[in-house]
Amino acid sequence: MSYTVEPVGYLRSCFKEKFAIPRQPQLAPAARGVLELVAPFDQGDAVQGLEQVSHVWLLFVFHQALEAKPRLKVRPPRLGGNRSMGVFATRATHRPNGIGQSVVRLDKVEPGRLWLSGIDLLDGTPILDIKPYVPYADQVASASNTMASAAPALIQVQWHAEALQQAHGHASRLQEPLVALIEQCLAQDPRPAYQTPTPERQYGVRFWDVDVQWHYPEPGTIQVLGVLLAD
């Protein structure tokens, strides 16, 4: 038996590429986006009452990680990318049906639009469903996961003086917490865990419409080198 599903909307996200997206929601509170609903869900009736909710579950499609052949085992980034685990023991993007879920903060409700923060979804992500977070049912005090018992350790983020000035300028133009977004995402060290970069090697990623460049001047430290308008 097969099923057909259609998106209820698409996410307009600060994350324009997969690299440097937090590996779980809520790890970067400054990560924001707008969920734009499609007909017939773009009417006020569909979101009536949602203003009483602080967080929502999003069910979505990993639209840039869809595969024709299902994987039974994956290599989670949390384990350094070099240890295999059963796909159902992980939250890896390589899912049997390409479906993901995230709990995110609901900041504002408008007919046809939901304003969200703490997101971990790529720009253009198709959203299949929205469900209110119910604290008494969704929060399990006795829950455990020995593979991921705590959030990843953060590393120090430093700024080149000119890069920080650039970031503040773009933050003012965008009316977005860009400096906080960069710090929160880079502090989680987005590079593959098996890499040991030299100080000369530079990395880059696009947030909103700016390109952010950084390097690792010493182990456990990131320095932001530039925050420039994307071409």
C-alpha atoms as a PDB file:
ATOM      1  CA  MET A   1       0.000   0.000   0.000  1.00  0.00           C
ATOM      2  CA  SER A   2       1.315   3.453  -0.864  1.00  0.00           C
ATOM      3  CA  TYR A   3       0.277   6.902   0.269  1.00  0.00           C
ATOM      4  CA  THR A   4       0.485  10.330  -1.314  1.00  0.00           C
ATOM      5  CA  VAL A   5       1.087  13.449   0.773  1.00  0.00           C
ATOM      6  CA  GLU A   6       1.208  17.102  -0.206  1.00  0.00           C
ATOM      7  CA  PRO A   7       2.958  19.954   1.643  1.00  0.00           C
ATOM      8  CA  VAL A   8       0.831  22.361   3.651  1.00  0.00           C
ATOM      9  CA  GLY A   9       3.518  25.000   3.187  1.00  0.00           C
ATOM     10  CA  TYR A  10       7.177  25.798   2.609  1.00  0.00           C
ATOM     11  CA  LEU A  11       9.725  27.248   4.999  1.00  0.00           C
ATOM     12  CA  ARG A  12      11.599  30.459   4.226  1.00  0.00           C
ATOM     13  CA  SER A  13      14.672  29.897   6.378  1.00  0.00           C
ATOM     14  CA  CYS A  14      17.873  31.697   7.361  1.00  0.00           C
ATOM     15  CA  PHE A  15      19.745  28.538   6.291  1.00  0.00           C
ATOM     16  CA  LYS A  16      20.468  28.600   2.564  1.00  0.00           C
ATOM     17  CA  GLU A  17      22.638  25.462   2.494  1.00  0.00           C
ATOM     18  CA  LYS A  18      22.880  22.291   4.568  1.00  0.00           C
ATOM     19  CA  PHE A  19      26.342  22.981   5.961  1.00  0.00           C
ATOM     20  CA  ALA A  20      26.303  24.573   9.459  1.00  0.00           C
ATOM     21  CA  ILE A  21      22.627  23.906  10.151  1.00  0.00           C
ATOM     22  CA  PRO A  22      22.332  22.845  13.814  1.00  0.00           C
ATOM     23  CA  ARG A  23      21.948  19.083  14.084  1.00  0.00           C
ATOM     24  CA  GLN A  24      18.899  19.448  16.330  1.00  0.00           C
ATOM     25  CA  PRO A  25      16.253  22.161  16.790  1.00  0.00           C
ATOM     26  CA  GLN A  26      16.488  24.702  19.635  1.00  0.00           C
ATOM     27  CA  LEU A  27      20.318  24.667  19.641  1.00  0.00           C
ATOM     28  CA  ALA A  28      20.368  28.029  17.852  1.00  0.00           C
ATOM     29  CA  PRO A  29      17.519  30.198  19.192  1.00  0.00           C
ATOM     30  CA  ALA A  30      18.501  33.004  16.795  1.00  0.00           C
ATOM     31  CA  ALA A  31      17.789  30.774  13.771  1.00  0.00           C
ATOM     32  CA  ARG A  32      14.551  32.136  12.383  1.00  0.00           C
ATOM     33  CA  GLY A  33      12.244  31.579   9.462  1.00  0.00           C
ATOM     34  CA  VAL A  34       8.717  31.997   8.156  1.00  0.00           C
ATOM     35  CA  LEU A  35       6.452  29.106   7.240  1.00  0.00           C
ATOM     36  CA  GLU A  36       4.342  30.184   4.278  1.00  0.00           C
ATOM     37  CA  LEU A  37       1.199  28.083   4.020  1.00  0.00           C
ATOM     38  CA  VAL A  38      -0.378  27.103   0.712  1.00  0.00           C
ATOM     39  CA  ALA A  39      -4.047  26.892  -0.247  1.00  0.00           C
ATOM     40  CA  PRO A  40      -6.364  25.987   1.315  1.00  0.00           C
ATOM     41  CA  PHE A  41      -4.319  26.239   4.545  1.00  0.00           C
ATOM     42  CA  ASP A  42      -3.347  29.865   3.921  1.00  0.00           C
ATOM     43  CA  GLN A  43      -6.643  31.029   5.393  1.00  0.00           C
ATOM     44  CA  GLY A  44      -7.071  32.224   8.967  1.00  0.00           C
ATOM     45  CA  ASP A  45      -9.366  29.305   9.842  1.00  0.00           C
ATOM     46  CA  ALA A  46      -6.455  26.833   9.562  1.00  0.00           C
ATOM     47  CA  VAL A  47      -4.393  28.540  12.278  1.00  0.00           C
ATOM     48  CA  GLN A  48      -7.193  29.720  14.567  1.00  0.00           C
ATOM     49  CA  GLY A  49      -6.237  28.984  18.194  1.00  0.00           C
ATOM     50  CA  LEU A  50      -2.561  28.483  17.403  1.00  0.00           C
ATOM     51  CA  GLU A  51      -1.759  31.807  19.090  1.00  0.00           C
ATOM     52  CA  GLN A  52      -2.229  29.972  22.411  1.00  0.00           C
ATOM     53  CA  VAL A  53       0.764  27.718  21.649  1.00  0.00           C
ATOM     54  CA  SER A  54       4.447  28.554  22.310  1.00  0.00           C
ATOM     55  CA  HIS A  55       5.999  25.690  20.292  1.00  0.00           C
ATOM     56  CA  VAL A  56       4.934  23.461  17.416  1.00  0.00           C
ATOM     57  CA  TRP A  57       6.052  20.196  15.891  1.00  0.00           C
ATOM     58  CA  LEU A  58       6.872  20.386  12.198  1.00  0.00           C
ATOM     59  CA  LEU A  59       6.744  17.258  10.054  1.00  0.00           C
ATOM     60  CA  PHE A  60       8.733  17.871   6.903  1.00  0.00           C
ATOM     61  CA  VAL A  61      10.603  16.362   3.972  1.00  0.00           C
ATOM     62  CA  PHE A  62      14.403  16.238   3.713  1.00  0.00           C
ATOM     63  CA  HIS A  63      13.991  17.442   0.162  1.00  0.00           C
ATOM     64  CA  GLN A  64      17.718  17.549  -0.612  1.00  0.00           C
ATOM     65  CA  ALA A  65      18.484  14.131   0.868  1.00  0.00           C
ATOM     66  CA  LEU A  66      15.908  11.894  -0.805  1.00  0.00           C
ATOM     67  CA  GLU A  67      17.200   8.525  -1.977  1.00  0.00           C
ATOM     68  CA  ALA A  68      15.739   5.798  -4.170  1.00  0.00           C
ATOM     69  CA  LYS A  69      17.221   2.960  -2.109  1.00  0.00           C
ATOM     70  CA  PRO A  70      16.541   2.845   1.647  1.00  0.00           C
ATOM     71  CA  ARG A  71      19.497   2.635   4.027  1.00  0.00           C
ATOM     72  CA  LEU A  72      19.453   0.192   6.924  1.00  0.00           C
ATOM     73  CA  LYS A  73      22.501   1.748   8.583  1.00  0.00           C
ATOM     74  CA  VAL A  74      23.811   5.308   8.626  1.00  0.00           C
ATOM     75  CA  ARG A  75      26.826   7.171  10.002  1.00  0.00           C
ATOM     76  CA  PRO A  76      25.523   9.892  12.355  1.00  0.00           C
ATOM     77  CA  PRO A  77      27.570  13.112  12.650  1.00  0.00           C
ATOM     78  CA  ARG A  78      27.154  12.839  16.417  1.00  0.00           C
ATOM     79  CA  LEU A  79      29.408   9.768  16.334  1.00  0.00           C
ATOM     80  CA  GLY A  80      32.021  11.460  14.164  1.00  0.00           C
ATOM     81  CA  GLY A  81      30.705  10.142  10.863  1.00  0.00           C
ATOM     82  CA  ASN A  82      32.774   6.973  11.091  1.00  0.00           C
ATOM     83  CA  ARG A  83      30.509   4.692  13.175  1.00  0.00           C
ATOM     84  CA  SER A  84      27.455   2.948  11.751  1.00  0.00           C
ATOM     85  CA  MET A  85      24.125   2.706  13.536  1.00  0.00           C
ATOM     86  CA  GLY A  86      20.723   1.398  12.550  1.00  0.00           C
ATOM     87  CA  VAL A  87      18.776   4.110  10.779  1.00  0.00           C
ATOM     88  CA  PHE A  88      15.947   3.944  13.328  1.00  0.00           C
ATOM     89  CA  ALA A  89      18.395   4.599  16.189  1.00  0.00           C
ATOM     90  CA  THR A  90      19.368   7.961  14.707  1.00  0.00           C
ATOM     91  CA  ARG A  91      17.933  11.226  13.422  1.00  0.00           C
ATOM     92  CA  ALA A  92      20.113  11.169  10.321  1.00  0.00           C
ATOM     93  CA  THR A  93      18.656  12.879   7.248  1.00  0.00           C
ATOM     94  CA  HIS A  94      18.748   9.625   5.261  1.00  0.00           C
ATOM     95  CA  ARG A  95      15.261   8.383   6.193  1.00  0.00           C
ATOM     96  CA  PRO A  96      13.230   5.568   4.613  1.00  0.00           C
ATOM     97  CA  ASN A  97      10.578   8.073   3.499  1.00  0.00           C
ATOM     98  CA  GLY A  98      12.620  11.258   3.798  1.00  0.00           C
ATOM     99  CA  ILE A  99      10.486  12.523   6.696  1.00  0.00           C
ATOM    100  CA  GLY A 100      11.861  14.605   9.561  1.00  0.00           C
ATOM    101  CA  GLN A 101      10.384  16.266  12.630  1.00  0.00           C
ATOM    102  CA  SER A 102      11.421  19.278  14.668  1.00  0.00           C
ATOM    103  CA  VAL A 103       9.949  21.138  17.609  1.00  0.00           C
ATOM    104  CA  VAL A 104      10.395  24.887  17.111  1.00  0.00           C
ATOM    105  CA  ARG A 105       9.298  28.086  18.829  1.00  0.00           C
ATOM    106  CA  LEU A 106       6.192  29.791  17.434  1.00  0.00           C
ATOM    107  CA  ASP A 107       6.818  33.526  17.653  1.00  0.00           C
ATOM    108  CA  LYS A 108       3.920  34.953  15.656  1.00  0.00           C
ATOM    109  CA  VAL A 109       0.789  33.720  13.896  1.00  0.00           C
ATOM    110  CA  GLU A 110      -0.741  35.353  10.841  1.00  0.00           C
ATOM    111  CA  PRO A 111      -3.238  34.010   8.304  1.00  0.00           C
ATOM    112  CA  GLY A 112      -1.060  32.077   5.875  1.00  0.00           C
ATOM    113  CA  ARG A 113       2.199  32.572   7.827  1.00  0.00           C
ATOM    114  CA  LEU A 114       3.891  31.274  10.962  1.00  0.00           C
ATOM    115  CA  TRP A 115       6.970  33.057  12.312  1.00  0.00           C
ATOM    116  CA  LEU A 116       9.378  30.547  13.868  1.00  0.00           C
ATOM    117  CA  SER A 117      12.706  30.460  15.725  1.00  0.00           C
ATOM    118  CA  GLY A 118      15.082  27.788  16.966  1.00  0.00           C
ATOM    119  CA  ILE A 119      14.729  26.110  13.585  1.00  0.00           C
ATOM    120  CA  ASP A 120      17.044  23.527  12.018  1.00  0.00           C
ATOM    121  CA  LEU A 121      15.500  23.370   8.543  1.00  0.00           C
ATOM    122  CA  LEU A 122      16.859  24.326   5.155  1.00  0.00           C
ATOM    123  CA  ASP A 123      15.316  27.107   3.092  1.00  0.00           C
ATOM    124  CA  GLY A 124      12.542  25.742   0.890  1.00  0.00           C
ATOM    125  CA  THR A 125      11.783  22.736   3.107  1.00  0.00           C
ATOM    126  CA  PRO A 126       8.317  21.295   2.359  1.00  0.00           C
ATOM    127  CA  ILE A 127       6.231  21.080   5.535  1.00  0.00           C
ATOM    128  CA  LEU A 128       3.793  18.164   5.668  1.00  0.00           C
ATOM    129  CA  ASP A 129       2.000  18.952   8.912  1.00  0.00           C
ATOM    130  CA  ILE A 130       2.003  21.222  11.977  1.00  0.00           C
ATOM    131  CA  LYS A 131       1.060  20.006  15.430  1.00  0.00           C
ATOM    132  CA  PRO A 132       0.965  21.933  18.720  1.00  0.00           C
ATOM    133  CA  TYR A 133       3.551  20.991  21.328  1.00  0.00           C
ATOM    134  CA  VAL A 134       1.773  19.672  24.439  1.00  0.00           C
ATOM    135  CA  PRO A 135       4.159  19.911  27.423  1.00  0.00           C
ATOM    136  CA  TYR A 136       2.458  17.402  29.736  1.00  0.00           C
ATOM    137  CA  ALA A 137       2.423  14.750  27.008  1.00  0.00           C
ATOM    138  CA  ASP A 138       5.504  15.560  24.913  1.00  0.00           C
ATOM    139  CA  GLN A 139       7.973  16.109  27.751  1.00  0.00           C
ATOM    140  CA  VAL A 140       9.024  12.773  29.272  1.00  0.00           C
ATOM    141  CA  ALA A 141      11.000  13.386  32.464  1.00  0.00           C
ATOM    142  CA  SER A 142      12.329   9.822  32.668  1.00  0.00           C
ATOM    143  CA  ALA A 143      13.441   9.613  29.018  1.00  0.00           C
ATOM    144  CA  SER A 144      17.028   8.632  28.211  1.00  0.00           C
ATOM    145  CA  ASN A 145      19.318   8.317  25.200  1.00  0.00           C
ATOM    146  CA  THR A 146      22.826   7.217  26.083  1.00  0.00           C
ATOM    147  CA  MET A 147      24.084   7.930  22.554  1.00  0.00           C
ATOM    148  CA  ALA A 148      23.006  11.584  22.807  1.00  0.00           C
ATOM    149  CA  SER A 149      22.601  12.304  26.498  1.00  0.00           C
ATOM    150  CA  ALA A 150      23.553  16.003  26.288  1.00  0.00           C
ATOM    151  CA  ALA A 151      23.936  18.795  23.773  1.00  0.00           C
ATOM    152  CA  PRO A 152      27.251  18.889  21.883  1.00  0.00           C
ATOM    153  CA  ALA A 153      30.113  20.685  23.621  1.00  0.00           C
ATOM    154  CA  LEU A 154      30.539  24.226  22.310  1.00  0.00           C
ATOM    155  CA  ILE A 155      33.767  25.726  21.036  1.00  0.00           C
ATOM    156  CA  GLN A 156      34.908  29.327  21.346  1.00  0.00           C
ATOM    157  CA  VAL A 157      33.930  31.754  18.600  1.00  0.00           C
ATOM    158  CA  GLN A 158      36.157  34.790  18.077  1.00  0.00           C
ATOM    159  CA  TRP A 159      35.682  37.655  15.660  1.00  0.00           C
ATOM    160  CA  HIS A 160      38.025  39.562  13.423  1.00  0.00           C
ATOM    161  CA  ALA A 161      37.155  43.211  14.185  1.00  0.00           C
ATOM    162  CA  GLU A 162      36.152  43.994  10.593  1.00  0.00           C
ATOM    163  CA  ALA A 163      34.000  40.850  10.364  1.00  0.00           C
ATOM    164  CA  LEU A 164      32.070  41.814  13.499  1.00  0.00           C
ATOM    165  CA  GLN A 165      31.453  45.287  12.105  1.00  0.00           C
ATOM    166  CA  GLN A 166      30.212  43.741   8.864  1.00  0.00           C
ATOM    167  CA  ALA A 167      27.891  41.368  10.758  1.00  0.00           C
ATOM    168  CA  HIS A 168      26.332  44.198  12.770  1.00  0.00           C
ATOM    169  CA  GLY A 169      25.741  46.160   9.573  1.00  0.00           C
ATOM    170  CA  HIS A 170      23.991  43.260   7.855  1.00  0.00           C
ATOM    171  CA  ALA A 171      22.004  42.460  11.017  1.00  0.00           C
ATOM    172  CA  SER A 172      20.635  46.011  11.014  1.00  0.00           C
ATOM    173  CA  ARG A 173      19.762  45.792   7.321  1.00  0.00           C
ATOM    174  CA  LEU A 174      18.083  42.391   7.644  1.00  0.00           C
ATOM    175  CA  GLN A 175      16.460  43.150  11.004  1.00  0.00           C
ATOM    176  CA  GLU A 176      17.679  39.737  12.139  1.00  0.00           C
ATOM    177  CA  PRO A 177      19.911  38.633  15.079  1.00  0.00           C
ATOM    178  CA  LEU A 178      22.724  37.766  12.671  1.00  0.00           C
ATOM    179  CA  VAL A 179      25.630  38.000  15.123  1.00  0.00           C
ATOM    180  CA  ALA A 180      23.902  35.636  17.553  1.00  0.00           C
ATOM    181  CA  LEU A 181      22.954  33.282  14.701  1.00  0.00           C
ATOM    182  CA  ILE A 182      26.564  33.043  13.512  1.00  0.00           C
ATOM    183  CA  GLU A 183      27.908  32.484  17.018  1.00  0.00           C
ATOM    184  CA  GLN A 184      25.284  29.891  17.966  1.00  0.00           C
ATOM    185  CA  CYS A 185      25.779  27.853  14.786  1.00  0.00           C
ATOM    186  CA  LEU A 186      29.565  28.016  14.579  1.00  0.00           C
ATOM    187  CA  ALA A 187      30.008  27.257  18.303  1.00  0.00           C
ATOM    188  CA  GLN A 188      28.626  23.793  17.532  1.00  0.00           C
ATOM    189  CA  ASP A 189      31.539  23.263  15.110  1.00  0.00           C
ATOM    190  CA  PRO A 190      29.841  22.401  11.796  1.00  0.00           C
ATOM    191  CA  ARG A 191      32.892  20.789  10.193  1.00  0.00           C
ATOM    192  CA  PRO A 192      32.960  16.975   9.942  1.00  0.00           C
ATOM    193  CA  ALA A 193      34.283  15.529  13.200  1.00  0.00           C
ATOM    194  CA  TYR A 194      36.960  13.503  11.412  1.00  0.00           C
ATOM    195  CA  GLN A 195      38.614  16.631   9.978  1.00  0.00           C
ATOM    196  CA  THR A 196      41.524  18.383  11.697  1.00  0.00           C
ATOM    197  CA  PRO A 197      41.815  21.643   9.770  1.00  0.00           C
ATOM    198  CA  THR A 198      44.991  23.667   9.570  1.00  0.00           C
ATOM    199  CA  PRO A 199      44.826  27.370  10.521  1.00  0.00           C
ATOM    200  CA  GLU A 200      45.160  28.248   6.828  1.00  0.00           C
ATOM    201  CA  ARG A 201      42.059  26.355   5.769  1.00  0.00           C
ATOM    202  CA  GLN A 202      38.951  28.518   5.486  1.00  0.00           C
ATOM    203  CA  TYR A 203      35.309  27.469   5.644  1.00  0.00           C
ATOM    204  CA  GLY A 204      32.208  29.299   4.496  1.00  0.00           C
ATOM    205  CA  VAL A 205      28.439  29.155   4.621  1.00  0.00           C
ATOM    206  CA  ARG A 206      25.496  31.352   3.658  1.00  0.00           C
ATOM    207  CA  PHE A 207      23.056  32.680   6.256  1.00  0.00           C
ATOM    208  CA  TRP A 208      20.181  34.777   4.878  1.00  0.00           C
ATOM    209  CA  ASP A 209      21.881  36.669   2.009  1.00  0.00           C
ATOM    210  CA  VAL A 210      25.416  36.898   3.425  1.00  0.00           C
ATOM    211  CA  ASP A 211      28.431  34.626   3.144  1.00  0.00           C
ATOM    212  CA  VAL A 212      30.248  33.922   6.409  1.00  0.00           C
ATOM    213  CA  GLN A 213      33.902  32.837   6.319  1.00  0.00           C
ATOM    214  CA  TRP A 214      35.901  31.437   9.229  1.00  0.00           C
ATOM    215  CA  HIS A 215      38.947  29.370  10.111  1.00  0.00           C
ATOM    216  CA  TYR A 216      40.348  27.440  13.078  1.00  0.00           C
ATOM    217  CA  PRO A 217      43.386  29.406  14.355  1.00  0.00           C
ATOM    218  CA  GLU A 218      43.938  26.764  17.037  1.00  0.00           C
ATOM    219  CA  PRO A 219      42.145  23.612  18.214  1.00  0.00           C
ATOM    220  CA  GLY A 220      38.816  24.337  19.872  1.00  0.00           C
ATOM    221  CA  THR A 221      38.583  27.901  18.501  1.00  0.00           C
ATOM    222  CA  ILE A 222      36.842  29.448  15.504  1.00  0.00           C
ATOM    223  CA  GLN A 223      37.602  32.929  14.206  1.00  0.00           C
ATOM    224  CA  VAL A 224      35.106  34.651  11.928  1.00  0.00           C
ATOM    225  CA  LEU A 225      37.015  36.340   9.102  1.00  0.00           C
ATOM    226  CA  GLY A 226      34.300  37.994   7.046  1.00  0.00           C
ATOM    227  CA  VAL A 227      30.539  38.500   6.662  1.00  0.00           C
ATOM    228  CA  LEU A 228      29.934  39.659   3.102  1.00  0.00           C
ATOM    229  CA  LEU A 229      26.882  40.111   0.915  1.00  0.00           C
ATOM    230  CA  ALA A 230      26.445  37.008  -1.228  1.00  0.00           C
ATOM    231  CA  ASP A 231      26.977  37.267  -4.978  1.00  0.00           C
END
